């Protein structure tokens, strides 16, 4: 299927994850196709990818994973997190990627925490804030932004500490640096907390980007229970003009998934323009 890039009057910058779309193509071709469709591109673990080849596609990269291993609270894990964050910053410079994504702990290939945590103690909270201050300092030195992503523990990431949107927001607020922001993932938030419109209003002062997919299934908007045009109106009404990224699977066809995503976050959709 061939689809020309569509014009859009979206008030947001739209991006899509090359990890989850066009899965029948080599990775570099996925990136190129997303860019051809007029979207910025997001990637996960960069360590096994052809960075020069990705940069040569001409795509604009919005976000990439900002570490390879480590965590926020364990001494050895902190050292690993900081060391691989530094390596990630080098790659981000090669790709001109402004945002580097973090989680509450390192995740394995199935999205499960390498070191699950049953109870997060007050001491762990304090240590996590200190670690994230050090991460923000690295971002400031490199003129990049690290983002801390909320996850859900009910379906995709059981045992991950600092996973809820309320947790990631609290940590980002505590650090209070423009080089550490929140990656507000509304798919995860719907599973874990719900009340998405109010959540976005509370979080927006600290948001570096927003990621979306529908629930259940983690596919494009319109395939599940979240009414994303209403979320789009609320975001526009609150003055958000930043990145919204599709981090979801295509229900059937990747071009159609991108069309549905664009439509959900374009101002003429559903009951007129966002208020």
Protein backbone atom coordinates (compact mmCIF):
# COMPACT_ATOMS: atom_id res chain seq x y z
CA UNK A 1 0.00 0.00 0.00
CA UNK A 2 1.37 3.42 -0.95
CA UNK A 3 0.06 6.53 0.76
CA UNK A 4 1.31 10.04 0.11
CA UNK A 5 2.14 12.25 3.08
CA UNK A 6 -1.03 13.95 4.25
CA UNK A 7 -1.32 17.62 5.03
CA UNK A 8 -2.41 18.34 8.57
CA UNK A 9 -3.59 21.22 10.64
CA UNK A 10 -2.64 19.47 13.85
CA UNK A 11 -1.48 21.94 16.49
CA UNK A 12 0.94 19.30 17.76
CA UNK A 13 4.20 17.82 16.50
CA UNK A 14 3.34 14.22 15.59
CA UNK A 15 5.81 11.34 15.85
CA UNK A 16 5.65 7.55 15.66
CA UNK A 17 7.69 4.66 16.99
CA UNK A 18 9.61 2.72 14.36
CA UNK A 19 9.76 -0.19 16.81
CA UNK A 20 6.05 -0.94 16.41
CA UNK A 21 5.12 -0.11 12.80
CA UNK A 22 6.01 -1.57 9.36
CA UNK A 23 7.33 -4.69 11.06
CA UNK A 24 7.76 -6.50 7.73
CA UNK A 25 10.49 -4.06 6.71
CA UNK A 26 14.14 -3.66 7.78
CA UNK A 27 14.44 -1.12 10.57
CA UNK A 28 16.03 1.63 8.50
CA UNK A 29 13.20 1.32 5.95
CA UNK A 30 10.65 1.64 8.77
CA UNK A 31 12.25 4.92 9.81
CA UNK A 32 12.26 6.18 6.24
CA UNK A 33 8.62 5.27 5.70
CA UNK A 34 7.44 7.05 8.86
CA UNK A 35 9.39 10.13 7.80
CA UNK A 36 7.88 9.96 4.30
CA UNK A 37 4.44 10.04 5.89
CA UNK A 38 5.34 13.37 7.54
CA UNK A 39 5.99 12.18 11.09
CA UNK A 40 9.00 12.49 13.35
CA UNK A 41 10.49 9.15 14.43
CA UNK A 42 11.12 7.52 17.81
CA UNK A 43 13.36 4.54 18.52
CA UNK A 44 14.12 2.41 21.58
CA UNK A 45 17.47 0.71 22.32
CA UNK A 46 20.02 2.20 19.95
CA UNK A 47 22.86 -0.20 20.73
CA UNK A 48 22.13 -2.74 17.98
CA UNK A 49 21.12 -0.27 15.28
CA UNK A 50 22.96 1.25 12.34
CA UNK A 51 23.15 4.81 13.66
CA UNK A 52 24.85 6.21 10.56
CA UNK A 53 22.22 4.53 8.38
CA UNK A 54 19.39 5.95 10.47
CA UNK A 55 20.87 9.44 10.35
CA UNK A 56 21.23 9.11 6.57
CA UNK A 57 17.47 8.58 6.14
CA UNK A 58 16.91 12.29 6.68
CA UNK A 59 14.28 11.55 9.34
CA UNK A 60 13.78 13.91 12.24
CA UNK A 61 14.22 11.92 15.44
CA UNK A 62 12.07 12.94 18.36
CA UNK A 63 13.09 10.48 21.08
CA UNK A 64 15.31 7.49 21.82
CA UNK A 65 16.06 5.35 24.85
CA UNK A 66 18.55 7.20 27.05
CA UNK A 67 20.22 4.28 28.82
CA UNK A 68 21.16 0.65 28.27
CA UNK A 69 21.09 -0.69 31.83
CA UNK A 70 20.87 0.39 35.45
CA UNK A 71 18.30 1.79 37.84
CA UNK A 72 17.56 4.80 40.03
CA UNK A 73 18.26 3.43 43.50
CA UNK A 74 20.92 0.69 43.69
CA UNK A 75 24.57 1.94 43.83
CA UNK A 76 25.77 -0.36 41.04
CA UNK A 77 22.60 0.31 39.09
CA UNK A 78 23.05 4.07 39.43
CA UNK A 79 26.61 3.83 38.12
CA UNK A 80 25.42 1.77 35.14
CA UNK A 81 22.55 4.15 34.44
CA UNK A 82 24.80 7.21 34.44
CA UNK A 83 27.49 5.52 32.35
CA UNK A 84 25.08 4.35 29.67
CA UNK A 85 23.24 7.68 29.72
CA UNK A 86 26.54 9.32 28.77
CA UNK A 87 26.94 6.86 25.89
CA UNK A 88 23.37 7.55 24.82
CA UNK A 89 24.05 11.28 24.72
CA UNK A 90 26.85 10.69 22.21
CA UNK A 91 24.45 8.79 19.95
CA UNK A 92 21.75 11.42 20.44
CA UNK A 93 24.17 14.05 19.16
CA UNK A 94 24.89 11.93 16.05
CA UNK A 95 21.16 11.66 15.35
CA UNK A 96 20.30 15.19 16.50
CA UNK A 97 17.73 13.64 18.85
CA UNK A 98 16.55 16.09 21.53
CA UNK A 99 14.96 13.71 24.05
CA UNK A 100 16.27 10.56 25.75
CA UNK A 101 13.81 8.31 27.55
CA UNK A 102 14.20 6.65 30.97
CA UNK A 103 12.19 4.21 33.10
CA UNK A 104 12.02 3.56 36.82
CA UNK A 105 14.39 0.63 36.31
CA UNK A 106 16.06 -1.29 33.51
CA UNK A 107 13.70 -3.44 31.43
CA UNK A 108 14.45 -6.71 29.66
CA UNK A 109 13.49 -7.63 26.10
CA UNK A 110 9.93 -8.42 27.21
CA UNK A 111 9.49 -5.12 29.05
CA UNK A 112 9.85 -6.72 32.47
CA UNK A 113 12.05 -5.10 35.14
CA UNK A 114 15.51 -6.61 35.40
CA UNK A 115 15.22 -6.16 39.17
CA UNK A 116 11.54 -6.15 40.19
CA UNK A 117 10.60 -4.13 43.26
CA UNK A 118 7.62 -5.02 45.43
CA UNK A 119 7.74 -2.02 47.78
CA UNK A 120 9.37 1.35 47.14
CA UNK A 121 10.69 2.71 50.44
CA UNK A 122 11.09 6.40 51.41
CA UNK A 123 14.86 5.97 51.16
CA UNK A 124 14.47 4.73 47.58
CA UNK A 125 12.43 7.80 46.71
CA UNK A 126 15.16 10.10 48.03
CA UNK A 127 17.86 8.19 46.18
CA UNK A 128 15.86 8.25 42.95
CA UNK A 129 15.52 12.03 43.14
CA UNK A 130 19.26 12.40 43.68
CA UNK A 131 20.01 10.10 40.73
CA UNK A 132 17.65 12.02 38.48
CA UNK A 133 19.29 15.29 39.47
CA UNK A 134 22.57 13.81 38.24
CA UNK A 135 20.85 12.71 35.02
CA UNK A 136 19.44 16.21 34.53
CA UNK A 137 22.95 17.64 34.96
CA UNK A 138 24.17 15.38 32.16
CA UNK A 139 21.32 16.62 30.00
CA UNK A 140 22.17 20.22 30.73
CA UNK A 141 25.82 19.69 29.78
CA UNK A 142 24.78 18.14 26.46
CA UNK A 143 21.81 20.45 25.83
CA UNK A 144 19.43 17.47 25.74
CA UNK A 145 16.34 16.53 27.74
CA UNK A 146 15.89 13.25 29.56
CA UNK A 147 12.28 12.12 29.94
CA UNK A 148 10.98 9.75 32.62
CA UNK A 149 8.16 7.56 31.31
CA UNK A 150 5.24 6.25 33.32
CA UNK A 151 4.39 2.58 32.80
CA UNK A 152 1.59 0.24 33.83
CA UNK A 153 2.22 -2.68 36.16
CA UNK A 154 -1.11 -4.46 35.60
CA UNK A 155 -0.49 -5.63 32.01
CA UNK A 156 2.91 -4.79 30.53
CA UNK A 157 5.48 -4.03 33.24
CA UNK A 158 4.70 -5.77 36.57
CA UNK A 159 7.21 -5.09 39.31
CA UNK A 160 8.52 -1.82 37.87
CA UNK A 161 9.13 0.81 40.57
CA UNK A 162 8.07 4.45 40.16
CA UNK A 163 5.76 3.29 37.38
CA UNK A 164 2.52 5.22 37.85
CA UNK A 165 2.09 8.60 36.21
CA UNK A 166 1.68 10.09 39.69
CA UNK A 167 5.07 8.62 40.65
CA UNK A 168 6.97 9.86 37.60
CA UNK A 169 5.36 13.27 37.91
CA UNK A 170 6.36 13.49 41.59
CA UNK A 171 9.98 12.65 40.76
CA UNK A 172 10.18 15.14 37.90
CA UNK A 173 8.61 17.85 40.06
CA UNK A 174 11.11 17.16 42.84
CA UNK A 175 14.08 17.56 40.48
CA UNK A 176 12.48 20.61 38.81
CA UNK A 177 14.93 20.88 35.91
CA UNK A 178 14.14 21.71 32.27
CA UNK A 179 16.54 18.88 31.38
CA UNK A 180 14.36 16.27 33.12
CA UNK A 181 10.78 16.12 31.97
CA UNK A 182 7.98 13.58 32.01
CA UNK A 183 7.16 11.29 29.09
CA UNK A 184 3.44 11.04 29.73
CA UNK A 185 2.27 7.77 28.18
CA UNK A 186 -1.52 7.84 28.07
CA UNK A 187 -1.85 4.16 27.17
CA UNK A 188 -0.08 3.18 30.38
CA UNK A 189 -1.92 5.86 32.36
CA UNK A 190 -5.34 4.64 31.20
CA UNK A 191 -4.57 1.13 32.46
CA UNK A 192 -3.04 2.31 35.72
CA UNK A 193 -4.98 5.43 36.66
CA UNK A 194 -7.46 6.70 34.07
CA UNK A 195 -8.91 10.24 34.30
CA UNK A 196 -6.65 11.21 31.39
CA UNK A 197 -7.82 14.76 30.75
CA UNK A 198 -7.28 15.83 34.36
CA UNK A 199 -3.98 13.97 34.44
CA UNK A 200 -2.72 15.87 31.41
CA UNK A 201 -3.72 19.20 32.96
CA UNK A 202 -1.78 18.42 36.12
CA UNK A 203 1.27 17.10 34.31
CA UNK A 204 1.63 19.54 31.39
CA UNK A 205 4.01 21.97 33.12
CA UNK A 206 6.47 19.07 33.47
CA UNK A 207 5.80 17.18 30.22
CA UNK A 208 8.55 16.70 27.64
CA UNK A 209 6.37 14.65 25.31
CA UNK A 210 3.19 12.58 25.26
CA UNK A 211 2.85 9.04 23.93
CA UNK A 212 -0.42 7.39 22.94
CA UNK A 213 -2.02 4.08 22.02
CA UNK A 214 -5.51 2.72 22.62
CA UNK A 215 -6.69 0.33 25.35
CA UNK A 216 -6.91 -2.64 25.21
CA UNK A 217 -4.46 -3.92 22.60
CA UNK A 218 -2.03 -1.00 22.43
CA UNK A 219 -2.98 -0.16 18.85
CA UNK A 220 -3.79 3.12 17.10
CA UNK A 221 -6.51 5.55 18.30
CA UNK A 222 -10.00 4.39 17.48
CA UNK A 223 -9.36 0.71 18.21
CA UNK A 224 -10.23 0.80 21.91
CA UNK A 225 -11.89 2.71 24.72
CA UNK A 226 -9.95 6.02 24.79
CA UNK A 227 -11.65 8.90 22.98
CA UNK A 228 -8.47 10.58 21.79
CA UNK A 229 -10.11 13.50 19.91
CA UNK A 230 -11.43 14.68 23.28
CA UNK A 231 -7.95 14.36 24.77
CA UNK A 232 -6.61 16.34 21.80
CA UNK A 233 -9.13 19.14 22.41
CA UNK A 234 -8.15 19.28 26.07
CA UNK A 235 -4.44 19.41 25.26
CA UNK A 236 -4.95 22.12 22.65
CA UNK A 237 -7.15 24.08 25.02
CA UNK A 238 -4.42 23.91 27.67
CA UNK A 239 -1.91 25.33 25.20
CA UNK A 240 0.15 22.21 24.56
CA UNK A 241 1.95 22.34 21.21
CA UNK A 242 4.68 19.73 21.81
CA UNK A 243 5.26 16.19 20.62
CA UNK A 244 2.56 13.54 20.63
CA UNK A 245 3.90 10.16 19.55
CA UNK A 246 2.12 6.98 18.51
CA UNK A 247 3.78 4.20 20.49
CA UNK A 248 1.41 1.47 19.45
CA UNK A 249 1.00 -1.47 17.12
CA UNK A 250 -0.97 -1.28 13.89
CA UNK A 251 -4.21 -3.23 14.22
CA UNK A 252 -3.86 -4.32 10.60
CA UNK A 253 -2.00 -1.85 8.37
CA UNK A 254 0.68 0.64 9.44
CA UNK A 255 -0.34 3.31 6.93
CA UNK A 256 -3.93 3.12 8.17
CA UNK A 257 -2.71 3.27 11.77
CA UNK A 258 -0.81 6.47 11.06
CA UNK A 259 -3.86 7.93 9.29
CA UNK A 260 -6.02 7.19 12.33
CA UNK A 261 -3.43 8.66 14.68
CA UNK A 262 -3.15 11.85 12.63
CA UNK A 263 -6.93 12.19 12.44
CA UNK A 264 -7.34 11.89 16.20
CA UNK A 265 -4.92 14.75 16.80
CA UNK A 266 -6.02 17.06 13.98
CA UNK A 267 -8.17 20.02 14.92
CA UNK A 268 -11.06 19.48 12.52
CA UNK A 269 -11.84 16.07 13.99
CA UNK A 270 -14.83 15.30 16.22
CA UNK A 271 -17.16 18.10 17.18
CA UNK A 272 -15.05 20.84 15.63
CA UNK A 273 -11.74 22.33 16.62
CA UNK A 274 -10.31 21.85 20.11
CA UNK A 275 -11.65 24.46 22.49
